[in-house]
Amino acid sequence: MILIDKNYENYEFKPDTKPFAFADSGETIRFECKDCYNDQLTEDNIDYGNMNMSHNNPIAGPLYVNGAEAGDVLKVEIINIEMADEASMCVRTGVGIYEVEGCHCRRFPIENGIVKFDGGIEIPIKPMVGVMGTSPAEGAVSTQSPGEHGGNMDIRELGIGATVYFPVNVSGALLSMGDIHAVQGDGETAICAMEVSGAVTVKVEVIKTDKYIPTPFIVTEKSYYTTAASESLDECSVVAARKMQRFIMANLGFSDAQAAMILSVMGHLRITQVVNPKKGCMMEFPRSVFDWKDSI
């Protein structure tokens, strides 16, 4: 198995980043990841002002996938997510959507698949990857922002067993990831989830096809998800929904009207996050209607 060390970190997705490792299509890779605070939040009530938050949301990588060329699609299967035994959160005035006075940084233990929260509340873990993506074709995108390349999507379905399809915009795709969450709610509304360091094991595959794959695209055991990011929820909700409309038209042979009808009764339009530089939305559709994975 190929190992990508967490100390080889980056804070942008960009095409000129030197690859940390090279892999062939079909290989398995283990990405070691620091948490979103760069492992600096080490104790309760730490002084946030003394943390270097220019080093925020580090990603491990990138991985160069041999044979991946611009126009291809990179299939990434999330095989496993390992986590440390403590998670962190930091909420503060002026970030997220809540009214919070001051800055509150906390550590929470994780025991036997449970986060031990205040007041005796036990929260079951649902490990996920907050940041995952390929390089854009040009320029640099901060790891704090989502986009058509993936990036800081903060989608809680990006967990063990999920398969994600990313666009290949440059040779090698340049896959990177980080920002593991022990558990997160839709929206990540306080600007953080249960942030945790750990490792993500994935399998990569280069797909060369002329079929429509609405990247970044997520497939789980029960559902398909189209995703979008934009400065406004109004805009990204429309983009995510229309991606799924096109996907259904391409794979079920439906007209635009038929696809709109079935989505209006079987689709679920959801907010994925509201606190990053761009807002995120996704459209969910049940796999029970058809099995697209057999068609590529």
C-alpha atoms as a PDB file:
ATOM      1  CA  MET A   1       0.000   0.000   0.000  1.00  0.00           C
ATOM      2  CA  ILE A   2       1.206   3.509  -0.831  1.00  0.00           C
ATOM      3  CA  LEU A   3       1.535   5.827   2.190  1.00  0.00           C
ATOM      4  CA  ILE A   4       1.212   9.610   2.040  1.00  0.00           C
ATOM      5  CA  ASP A   5       2.751  11.192   5.127  1.00  0.00           C
ATOM      6  CA  LYS A   6       0.723  13.819   6.994  1.00  0.00           C
ATOM      7  CA  ASN A   7       3.777  16.051   7.338  1.00  0.00           C
ATOM      8  CA  TYR A   8       3.815  16.627   3.598  1.00  0.00           C
ATOM      9  CA  GLU A   9       0.974  19.111   3.723  1.00  0.00           C
ATOM     10  CA  ASN A  10      -0.543  21.716   1.414  1.00  0.00           C
ATOM     11  CA  TYR A  11      -3.170  24.409   1.762  1.00  0.00           C
ATOM     12  CA  GLU A  12      -4.228  24.778  -1.859  1.00  0.00           C
ATOM     13  CA  PHE A  13      -5.322  22.613  -4.762  1.00  0.00           C
ATOM     14  CA  LYS A  14      -3.206  23.698  -7.738  1.00  0.00           C
ATOM     15  CA  PRO A  15      -1.706  22.098 -10.855  1.00  0.00           C
ATOM     16  CA  ASP A  16       1.966  22.860 -10.153  1.00  0.00           C
ATOM     17  CA  THR A  17       2.181  21.177  -6.737  1.00  0.00           C
ATOM     18  CA  LYS A  18       4.884  18.525  -6.675  1.00  0.00           C
ATOM     19  CA  PRO A  19       3.332  15.059  -6.166  1.00  0.00           C
ATOM     20  CA  PHE A  20       4.166  13.266  -2.947  1.00  0.00           C
ATOM     21  CA  ALA A  21       3.579   9.825  -4.466  1.00  0.00           C
ATOM     22  CA  PHE A  22       2.617   8.062  -7.687  1.00  0.00           C
ATOM     23  CA  ALA A  23       0.049   5.280  -8.094  1.00  0.00           C
ATOM     24  CA  ASP A  24      -1.377   3.170 -10.870  1.00  0.00           C
ATOM     25  CA  SER A  25      -5.079   2.896 -11.509  1.00  0.00           C
ATOM     26  CA  GLY A  26      -6.476   0.254  -9.164  1.00  0.00           C
ATOM     27  CA  GLU A  27      -3.953   0.819  -6.367  1.00  0.00           C
ATOM     28  CA  THR A  28      -4.732   1.474  -2.711  1.00  0.00           C
ATOM     29  CA  ILE A  29      -3.352   4.519  -0.889  1.00  0.00           C
ATOM     30  CA  ARG A  30      -3.331   5.557   2.760  1.00  0.00           C
ATOM     31  CA  PHE A  31      -3.455   9.316   3.363  1.00  0.00           C
ATOM     32  CA  GLU A  32      -2.324  10.347   6.851  1.00  0.00           C
ATOM     33  CA  CYS A  33      -4.131  13.560   7.822  1.00  0.00           C
ATOM     34  CA  LYS A  34      -3.783  16.251  10.463  1.00  0.00           C
ATOM     35  CA  ASP A  35      -7.010  17.797  11.721  1.00  0.00           C
ATOM     36  CA  CYS A  36      -8.306  21.109  10.399  1.00  0.00           C
ATOM     37  CA  TYR A  37      -6.466  23.003  13.147  1.00  0.00           C
ATOM     38  CA  ASN A  38      -3.179  21.424  12.033  1.00  0.00           C
ATOM     39  CA  ASP A  39      -3.147  19.464  15.305  1.00  0.00           C
ATOM     40  CA  GLN A  40      -2.631  22.713  17.258  1.00  0.00           C
ATOM     41  CA  LEU A  41      -5.781  22.512  19.407  1.00  0.00           C
ATOM     42  CA  THR A  42      -4.296  20.231  22.035  1.00  0.00           C
ATOM     43  CA  GLU A  43      -6.296  21.080  25.165  1.00  0.00           C
ATOM     44  CA  ASP A  44      -9.512  22.675  26.400  1.00  0.00           C
ATOM     45  CA  ASN A  45      -9.661  26.470  26.364  1.00  0.00           C
ATOM     46  CA  ILE A  46      -6.425  26.873  24.460  1.00  0.00           C
ATOM     47  CA  ASP A  47      -5.799  30.443  23.274  1.00  0.00           C
ATOM     48  CA  TYR A  48      -7.053  30.440  19.687  1.00  0.00           C
ATOM     49  CA  GLY A  49      -5.140  33.652  19.043  1.00  0.00           C
ATOM     50  CA  ASN A  50      -1.854  31.827  19.581  1.00  0.00           C
ATOM     51  CA  MET A  51      -2.662  29.225  16.930  1.00  0.00           C
ATOM     52  CA  ASN A  52      -1.295  29.735  13.421  1.00  0.00           C
ATOM     53  CA  MET A  53      -4.525  29.629  11.451  1.00  0.00           C
ATOM     54  CA  SER A  54      -2.788  30.465   8.197  1.00  0.00           C
ATOM     55  CA  HIS A  55      -2.069  26.735   8.472  1.00  0.00           C
ATOM     56  CA  ASN A  56      -5.740  25.795   8.464  1.00  0.00           C
ATOM     57  CA  ASN A  57      -7.289  22.775   6.754  1.00  0.00           C
ATOM     58  CA  PRO A  58      -4.060  21.049   5.674  1.00  0.00           C
ATOM     59  CA  ILE A  59      -4.375  18.363   3.031  1.00  0.00           C
ATOM     60  CA  ALA A  60      -2.126  15.354   2.489  1.00  0.00           C
ATOM     61  CA  GLY A  61      -0.857  14.858  -1.025  1.00  0.00           C
ATOM     62  CA  PRO A  62      -1.115  15.260  -3.849  1.00  0.00           C
ATOM     63  CA  LEU A  63      -1.131  11.805  -5.357  1.00  0.00           C
ATOM     64  CA  TYR A  64      -0.266  11.502  -9.046  1.00  0.00           C
ATOM     65  CA  VAL A  65      -2.344   8.754 -10.668  1.00  0.00           C
ATOM     66  CA  ASN A  66      -0.543   7.314 -13.667  1.00  0.00           C
ATOM     67  CA  GLY A  67      -2.565   7.364 -16.865  1.00  0.00           C
ATOM     68  CA  ALA A  68      -5.017  10.027 -15.725  1.00  0.00           C
ATOM     69  CA  GLU A  69      -5.331  12.767 -18.325  1.00  0.00           C
ATOM     70  CA  ALA A  70      -7.446  15.891 -18.603  1.00  0.00           C
ATOM     71  CA  GLY A  71     -11.005  14.922 -19.527  1.00  0.00           C
ATOM     72  CA  ASP A  72     -10.911  11.613 -17.638  1.00  0.00           C
ATOM     73  CA  VAL A  73     -12.730  10.927 -14.381  1.00  0.00           C
ATOM     74  CA  LEU A  74     -11.019   9.734 -11.199  1.00  0.00           C
ATOM     75  CA  LYS A  75     -12.990   7.195  -9.171  1.00  0.00           C
ATOM     76  CA  VAL A  76     -12.083   7.185  -5.475  1.00  0.00           C
ATOM     77  CA  GLU A  77     -13.433   4.479  -3.163  1.00  0.00           C
ATOM     78  CA  ILE A  78     -13.222   5.266   0.554  1.00  0.00           C
ATOM     79  CA  ILE A  79     -12.175   1.959   2.093  1.00  0.00           C
ATOM     80  CA  ASN A  80     -11.422   2.995   5.660  1.00  0.00           C
ATOM     81  CA  ILE A  81     -11.134   6.014   7.965  1.00  0.00           C
ATOM     82  CA  GLU A  82      -8.986   5.748  11.099  1.00  0.00           C
ATOM     83  CA  MET A  83      -9.225   8.392  13.824  1.00  0.00           C
ATOM     84  CA  ALA A  84      -7.410   9.542  16.937  1.00  0.00           C
ATOM     85  CA  ASP A  85      -9.154   9.033  20.273  1.00  0.00           C
ATOM     86  CA  GLU A  86      -9.923  12.725  20.815  1.00  0.00           C
ATOM     87  CA  ALA A  87     -11.699  15.293  18.649  1.00  0.00           C
ATOM     88  CA  SER A  88     -11.709  19.087  18.747  1.00  0.00           C
ATOM     89  CA  MET A  89     -14.162  21.925  18.196  1.00  0.00           C
ATOM     90  CA  CYS A  90     -13.720  25.682  18.341  1.00  0.00           C
ATOM     91  CA  VAL A  91     -16.677  28.070  18.089  1.00  0.00           C
ATOM     92  CA  ARG A  92     -16.277  31.819  18.296  1.00  0.00           C
ATOM     93  CA  THR A  93     -17.850  35.185  17.663  1.00  0.00           C
ATOM     94  CA  GLY A  94     -18.406  36.098  14.032  1.00  0.00           C
ATOM     95  CA  VAL A  95     -18.098  32.671  12.405  1.00  0.00           C
ATOM     96  CA  GLY A  96     -20.795  30.133  11.636  1.00  0.00           C
ATOM     97  CA  ILE A  97     -24.458  31.084  11.786  1.00  0.00           C
ATOM     98  CA  TYR A  98     -25.021  31.176  15.542  1.00  0.00           C
ATOM     99  CA  GLU A  99     -24.757  33.958  18.098  1.00  0.00           C
ATOM    100  CA  VAL A 100     -21.724  33.047  20.194  1.00  0.00           C
ATOM    101  CA  GLU A 101     -19.925  35.310  22.625  1.00  0.00           C
ATOM    102  CA  GLY A 102     -16.182  34.843  22.863  1.00  0.00           C
ATOM    103  CA  CYS A 103     -14.035  31.936  21.724  1.00  0.00           C
ATOM    104  CA  HIS A 104     -14.565  28.408  23.002  1.00  0.00           C
ATOM    105  CA  CYS A 105     -12.080  25.655  22.100  1.00  0.00           C
ATOM    106  CA  ARG A 106     -12.789  22.152  23.354  1.00  0.00           C
ATOM    107  CA  ARG A 107     -11.497  18.591  23.239  1.00  0.00           C
ATOM    108  CA  PHE A 108     -13.861  15.609  23.382  1.00  0.00           C
ATOM    109  CA  PRO A 109     -12.892  11.966  23.995  1.00  0.00           C
ATOM    110  CA  ILE A 110     -13.940   9.212  21.597  1.00  0.00           C
ATOM    111  CA  GLU A 111     -14.562   5.838  23.222  1.00  0.00           C
ATOM    112  CA  ASN A 112     -15.986   2.692  21.599  1.00  0.00           C
ATOM    113  CA  GLY A 113     -17.426   4.590  18.665  1.00  0.00           C
ATOM    114  CA  ILE A 114     -18.976   7.301  20.845  1.00  0.00           C
ATOM    115  CA  VAL A 115     -18.076  10.975  21.294  1.00  0.00           C
ATOM    116  CA  LYS A 116     -18.488  11.883  24.959  1.00  0.00           C
ATOM    117  CA  PHE A 117     -20.213  15.278  24.879  1.00  0.00           C
ATOM    118  CA  ASP A 118     -21.280  17.580  27.710  1.00  0.00           C
ATOM    119  CA  GLY A 119     -24.185  16.714  29.992  1.00  0.00           C
ATOM    120  CA  GLY A 120     -23.653  12.982  29.575  1.00  0.00           C
ATOM    121  CA  ILE A 121     -24.728  13.124  25.930  1.00  0.00           C
ATOM    122  CA  GLU A 122     -23.224  10.375  23.776  1.00  0.00           C
ATOM    123  CA  ILE A 123     -22.877  11.028  20.044  1.00  0.00           C
ATOM    124  CA  PRO A 124     -22.310   8.013  17.742  1.00  0.00           C
ATOM    125  CA  ILE A 125     -19.421   8.592  15.370  1.00  0.00           C
ATOM    126  CA  LYS A 126     -19.930   8.694  11.597  1.00  0.00           C
ATOM    127  CA  PRO A 127     -16.423   9.232  10.212  1.00  0.00           C
ATOM    128  CA  MET A 128     -16.138  11.287   7.033  1.00  0.00           C
ATOM    129  CA  VAL A 129     -13.631  13.231   4.957  1.00  0.00           C
ATOM    130  CA  GLY A 130     -14.244  16.984   4.887  1.00  0.00           C
ATOM    131  CA  VAL A 131     -11.754  17.915   2.161  1.00  0.00           C
ATOM    132  CA  MET A 132     -11.110  15.752  -0.876  1.00  0.00           C
ATOM    133  CA  GLY A 133     -10.443  16.692  -4.469  1.00  0.00           C
ATOM    134  CA  THR A 134      -8.292  16.931  -7.554  1.00  0.00           C
ATOM    135  CA  SER A 135      -6.389  19.885  -8.953  1.00  0.00           C
ATOM    136  CA  PRO A 136      -8.226  22.587 -10.906  1.00  0.00           C
ATOM    137  CA  ALA A 137      -7.067  23.119 -14.480  1.00  0.00           C
ATOM    138  CA  GLU A 138      -5.334  26.359 -13.563  1.00  0.00           C
ATOM    139  CA  GLY A 139      -4.865  28.683 -10.631  1.00  0.00           C
ATOM    140  CA  ALA A 140      -5.063  27.765  -6.975  1.00  0.00           C
ATOM    141  CA  VAL A 141      -8.094  27.007  -4.787  1.00  0.00           C
ATOM    142  CA  SER A 142      -7.818  27.220  -1.011  1.00  0.00           C
ATOM    143  CA  THR A 143      -8.483  24.068   0.984  1.00  0.00           C
ATOM    144  CA  GLN A 144     -11.131  26.093   2.816  1.00  0.00           C
ATOM    145  CA  SER A 145     -13.311  26.364  -0.296  1.00  0.00           C
ATOM    146  CA  PRO A 146     -15.389  23.799  -2.226  1.00  0.00           C
ATOM    147  CA  GLY A 147     -15.719  23.800  -6.008  1.00  0.00           C
ATOM    148  CA  GLU A 148     -16.109  21.712  -9.125  1.00  0.00           C
ATOM    149  CA  HIS A 149     -12.775  20.042  -8.305  1.00  0.00           C
ATOM    150  CA  GLY A 150     -14.141  18.884  -4.916  1.00  0.00           C
ATOM    151  CA  GLY A 151     -12.198  20.569  -2.123  1.00  0.00           C
ATOM    152  CA  ASN A 152     -13.782  21.519   1.195  1.00  0.00           C
ATOM    153  CA  MET A 153     -17.123  19.881   0.450  1.00  0.00           C
ATOM    154  CA  ASP A 154     -17.953  18.948   4.065  1.00  0.00           C
ATOM    155  CA  ILE A 155     -20.507  16.364   2.950  1.00  0.00           C
ATOM    156  CA  ARG A 156     -21.229  13.829   5.676  1.00  0.00           C
ATOM    157  CA  GLU A 157     -21.860  11.063   3.120  1.00  0.00           C
ATOM    158  CA  LEU A 158     -18.124  11.046   2.320  1.00  0.00           C
ATOM    159  CA  GLY A 159     -17.562   8.144   4.666  1.00  0.00           C
ATOM    160  CA  ILE A 160     -16.482   4.521   4.614  1.00  0.00           C
ATOM    161  CA  GLY A 161     -18.025   2.686   1.670  1.00  0.00           C
ATOM    162  CA  ALA A 162     -18.729   5.794  -0.398  1.00  0.00           C
ATOM    163  CA  THR A 163     -17.359   6.188  -3.915  1.00  0.00           C
ATOM    164  CA  VAL A 164     -16.570   9.657  -5.238  1.00  0.00           C
ATOM    165  CA  TYR A 165     -16.016  10.670  -8.860  1.00  0.00           C
ATOM    166  CA  PHE A 166     -13.795  13.694  -9.479  1.00  0.00           C
ATOM    167  CA  PRO A 167     -12.883  15.490 -12.691  1.00  0.00           C
ATOM    168  CA  VAL A 168      -9.359  15.057 -14.007  1.00  0.00           C
ATOM    169  CA  ASN A 169      -8.224  18.524 -15.061  1.00  0.00           C
ATOM    170  CA  VAL A 170      -4.453  17.956 -15.259  1.00  0.00           C
ATOM    171  CA  SER A 171      -2.183  15.000 -15.918  1.00  0.00           C
ATOM    172  CA  GLY A 172      -2.120  12.676 -12.910  1.00  0.00           C
ATOM    173  CA  ALA A 173      -5.299  14.217 -11.415  1.00  0.00           C
ATOM    174  CA  LEU A 174      -3.330  15.288  -8.271  1.00  0.00           C
ATOM    175  CA  LEU A 175      -5.637  13.891  -5.596  1.00  0.00           C
ATOM    176  CA  SER A 176      -5.378  15.298  -2.056  1.00  0.00           C
ATOM    177  CA  MET A 177      -7.477  15.018   1.088  1.00  0.00           C
ATOM    178  CA  GLY A 178      -7.739  15.914   4.770  1.00  0.00           C
ATOM    179  CA  ASP A 179     -10.051  17.475   7.367  1.00  0.00           C
ATOM    180  CA  ILE A 180     -11.405  14.244   8.874  1.00  0.00           C
ATOM    181  CA  HIS A 181     -14.571  14.565  10.973  1.00  0.00           C
ATOM    182  CA  ALA A 182     -15.661  12.056  13.588  1.00  0.00           C
ATOM    183  CA  VAL A 183     -19.232  13.258  13.061  1.00  0.00           C
ATOM    184  CA  GLN A 184     -20.911  16.232  11.386  1.00  0.00           C
ATOM    185  CA  GLY A 185     -24.418  17.502  10.798  1.00  0.00           C
ATOM    186  CA  ASP A 186     -25.617  18.880   7.466  1.00  0.00           C
ATOM    187  CA  GLY A 187     -24.474  22.458   7.042  1.00  0.00           C
ATOM    188  CA  GLU A 188     -21.551  22.292   9.506  1.00  0.00           C
ATOM    189  CA  THR A 189     -23.363  25.305  10.898  1.00  0.00           C
ATOM    190  CA  ALA A 190     -20.967  26.323  13.691  1.00  0.00           C
ATOM    191  CA  ILE A 191     -18.022  26.316  11.193  1.00  0.00           C
ATOM    192  CA  CYS A 192     -16.588  23.102  12.650  1.00  0.00           C
ATOM    193  CA  ALA A 193     -17.524  19.472  13.098  1.00  0.00           C
ATOM    194  CA  MET A 194     -15.895  16.987  15.491  1.00  0.00           C
ATOM    195  CA  GLU A 195     -12.453  17.628  14.015  1.00  0.00           C
ATOM    196  CA  VAL A 196      -9.991  14.780  14.310  1.00  0.00           C
ATOM    197  CA  SER A 197      -6.659  13.630  12.941  1.00  0.00           C
ATOM    198  CA  GLY A 198      -6.306  10.190  11.406  1.00  0.00           C
ATOM    199  CA  ALA A 199      -5.875   8.366   8.124  1.00  0.00           C
ATOM    200  CA  VAL A 200      -8.001   7.684   5.056  1.00  0.00           C
ATOM    201  CA  THR A 201      -7.484   4.589   2.910  1.00  0.00           C
ATOM    202  CA  VAL A 202      -8.769   4.818  -0.643  1.00  0.00           C
ATOM    203  CA  LYS A 203      -8.629   2.942  -3.914  1.00  0.00           C
ATOM    204  CA  VAL A 204      -8.245   4.973  -7.100  1.00  0.00           C
ATOM    205  CA  GLU A 205      -9.296   4.131 -10.640  1.00  0.00           C
ATOM    206  CA  VAL A 206      -8.993   6.136 -13.842  1.00  0.00           C
ATOM    207  CA  ILE A 207     -12.198   6.132 -15.893  1.00  0.00           C
ATOM    208  CA  LYS A 208     -12.063   6.990 -19.563  1.00  0.00           C
ATOM    209  CA  THR A 209     -15.611   7.447 -20.797  1.00  0.00           C
ATOM    210  CA  ASP A 210     -17.734   9.777 -22.865  1.00  0.00           C
ATOM    211  CA  LYS A 211     -20.756   9.152 -20.643  1.00  0.00           C
ATOM    212  CA  TYR A 212     -22.017  11.992 -18.480  1.00  0.00           C
ATOM    213  CA  ILE A 213     -20.703  11.815 -14.927  1.00  0.00           C
ATOM    214  CA  PRO A 214     -21.762  14.913 -12.955  1.00  0.00           C
ATOM    215  CA  THR A 215     -18.559  15.400 -10.953  1.00  0.00           C
ATOM    216  CA  PRO A 216     -18.030  15.741  -8.042  1.00  0.00           C
ATOM    217  CA  PHE A 217     -20.427  12.802  -7.803  1.00  0.00           C
ATOM    218  CA  ILE A 218     -20.997  10.560  -4.778  1.00  0.00           C
ATOM    219  CA  VAL A 219     -22.365   7.024  -4.753  1.00  0.00           C
ATOM    220  CA  THR A 220     -23.297   5.244  -1.523  1.00  0.00           C
ATOM    221  CA  GLU A 221     -25.025   1.921  -0.913  1.00  0.00           C
ATOM    222  CA  LYS A 222     -28.468   3.470  -1.272  1.00  0.00           C
ATOM    223  CA  SER A 223     -28.137   6.829  -3.043  1.00  0.00           C
ATOM    224  CA  TYR A 224     -26.595   8.990  -5.751  1.00  0.00           C
ATOM    225  CA  TYR A 225     -25.587  12.560  -4.925  1.00  0.00           C
ATOM    226  CA  THR A 226     -24.854  15.440  -7.253  1.00  0.00           C
ATOM    227  CA  THR A 227     -23.022  18.358  -5.656  1.00  0.00           C
ATOM    228  CA  ALA A 228     -22.466  22.044  -6.272  1.00  0.00           C
ATOM    229  CA  ALA A 229     -20.847  25.037  -4.595  1.00  0.00           C
ATOM    230  CA  SER A 230     -21.475  28.729  -5.076  1.00  0.00           C
ATOM    231  CA  GLU A 231     -21.481  32.066  -3.287  1.00  0.00           C
ATOM    232  CA  SER A 232     -25.251  31.700  -2.790  1.00  0.00           C
ATOM    233  CA  LEU A 233     -27.480  28.827  -1.739  1.00  0.00           C
ATOM    234  CA  ASP A 234     -29.982  29.868  -4.400  1.00  0.00           C
ATOM    235  CA  GLU A 235     -27.421  29.299  -7.128  1.00  0.00           C
ATOM    236  CA  CYS A 236     -25.787  26.096  -5.884  1.00  0.00           C
ATOM    237  CA  SER A 237     -29.153  24.462  -5.148  1.00  0.00           C
ATOM    238  CA  VAL A 238     -30.179  24.947  -8.780  1.00  0.00           C
ATOM    239  CA  VAL A 239     -26.839  23.663 -10.104  1.00  0.00           C
ATOM    240  CA  ALA A 240     -26.933  20.516  -7.931  1.00  0.00           C
ATOM    241  CA  ALA A 241     -30.538  19.770  -8.921  1.00  0.00           C
ATOM    242  CA  ARG A 242     -29.936  20.288 -12.644  1.00  0.00           C
ATOM    243  CA  LYS A 243     -26.868  18.045 -12.552  1.00  0.00           C
ATOM    244  CA  MET A 244     -29.101  15.248 -11.244  1.00  0.00           C
ATOM    245  CA  GLN A 245     -31.723  16.058 -13.861  1.00  0.00           C
ATOM    246  CA  ARG A 246     -29.118  15.619 -16.613  1.00  0.00           C
ATOM    247  CA  PHE A 247     -27.848  12.430 -14.972  1.00  0.00           C
ATOM    248  CA  ILE A 248     -31.331  10.894 -14.943  1.00  0.00           C
ATOM    249  CA  MET A 249     -32.008  11.963 -18.519  1.00  0.00           C
ATOM    250  CA  ALA A 250     -28.726  10.405 -19.656  1.00  0.00           C
ATOM    251  CA  ASN A 251     -29.238   7.100 -17.842  1.00  0.00           C
ATOM    252  CA  LEU A 252     -33.003   6.508 -17.891  1.00  0.00           C
ATOM    253  CA  GLY A 253     -33.698   8.028 -21.286  1.00  0.00           C
ATOM    254  CA  PHE A 254     -36.196  10.416 -19.719  1.00  0.00           C
ATOM    255  CA  SER A 255     -37.189  13.762 -21.178  1.00  0.00           C
ATOM    256  CA  ASP A 256     -36.408  16.922 -19.251  1.00  0.00           C
ATOM    257  CA  ALA A 257     -40.011  17.006 -18.016  1.00  0.00           C
ATOM    258  CA  GLN A 258     -39.979  13.373 -16.897  1.00  0.00           C
ATOM    259  CA  ALA A 259     -36.701  13.864 -15.023  1.00  0.00           C
ATOM    260  CA  ALA A 260     -38.074  16.989 -13.323  1.00  0.00           C
ATOM    261  CA  MET A 261     -41.209  15.127 -12.240  1.00  0.00           C
ATOM    262  CA  ILE A 262     -39.433  12.145 -10.721  1.00  0.00           C
ATOM    263  CA  LEU A 263     -36.937  14.380  -8.938  1.00  0.00           C
ATOM    264  CA  SER A 264     -39.726  16.449  -7.459  1.00  0.00           C
ATOM    265  CA  VAL A 265     -41.168  13.362  -5.767  1.00  0.00           C
ATOM    266  CA  MET A 266     -38.103  11.122  -5.196  1.00  0.00           C
ATOM    267  CA  GLY A 267     -35.204  13.577  -4.998  1.00  0.00           C
ATOM    268  CA  HIS A 268     -34.014  15.345  -1.871  1.00  0.00           C
ATOM    269  CA  LEU A 269     -32.292  18.709  -2.217  1.00  0.00           C
ATOM    270  CA  ARG A 270     -30.066  19.320   0.819  1.00  0.00           C
ATOM    271  CA  ILE A 271     -27.707  21.941   2.184  1.00  0.00           C
ATOM    272  CA  THR A 272     -24.244  20.495   2.782  1.00  0.00           C
ATOM    273  CA  GLN A 273     -22.521  23.495   4.352  1.00  0.00           C
ATOM    274  CA  VAL A 274     -23.099  27.211   4.853  1.00  0.00           C
ATOM    275  CA  VAL A 275     -19.865  28.431   6.464  1.00  0.00           C
ATOM    276  CA  ASN A 276     -17.120  28.065   3.854  1.00  0.00           C
ATOM    277  CA  PRO A 277     -16.200  30.736   1.276  1.00  0.00           C
ATOM    278  CA  LYS A 278     -18.762  29.047  -0.989  1.00  0.00           C
ATOM    279  CA  LYS A 279     -22.039  27.469   0.140  1.00  0.00           C
ATOM    280  CA  GLY A 280     -22.761  23.843  -0.721  1.00  0.00           C
ATOM    281  CA  CYS A 281     -25.825  21.893  -1.828  1.00  0.00           C
ATOM    282  CA  MET A 282     -26.502  18.403  -3.104  1.00  0.00           C
ATOM    283  CA  MET A 283     -29.335  16.480  -4.685  1.00  0.00           C
ATOM    284  CA  GLU A 284     -29.957  12.931  -3.468  1.00  0.00           C
ATOM    285  CA  PHE A 285     -31.673  10.277  -5.579  1.00  0.00           C
ATOM    286  CA  PRO A 286     -32.266   6.597  -4.642  1.00  0.00           C
ATOM    287  CA  ARG A 287     -30.172   3.936  -6.367  1.00  0.00           C
ATOM    288  CA  SER A 288     -33.121   1.544  -6.217  1.00  0.00           C
ATOM    289  CA  VAL A 289     -34.521   3.181  -9.366  1.00  0.00           C
ATOM    290  CA  PHE A 290     -31.544   2.095 -11.496  1.00  0.00           C
ATOM    291  CA  ASP A 291     -27.965   0.873 -11.109  1.00  0.00           C
ATOM    292  CA  TRP A 292     -25.718   3.300 -12.935  1.00  0.00           C
ATOM    293  CA  LYS A 293     -22.437   1.735 -11.751  1.00  0.00           C
ATOM    294  CA  ASP A 294     -22.984  -1.242 -14.050  1.00  0.00           C
ATOM    295  CA  SER A 295     -23.151   1.066 -17.060  1.00  0.00           C
ATOM    296  CA  ILE A 296     -19.617   2.528 -16.982  1.00  0.00           C
END
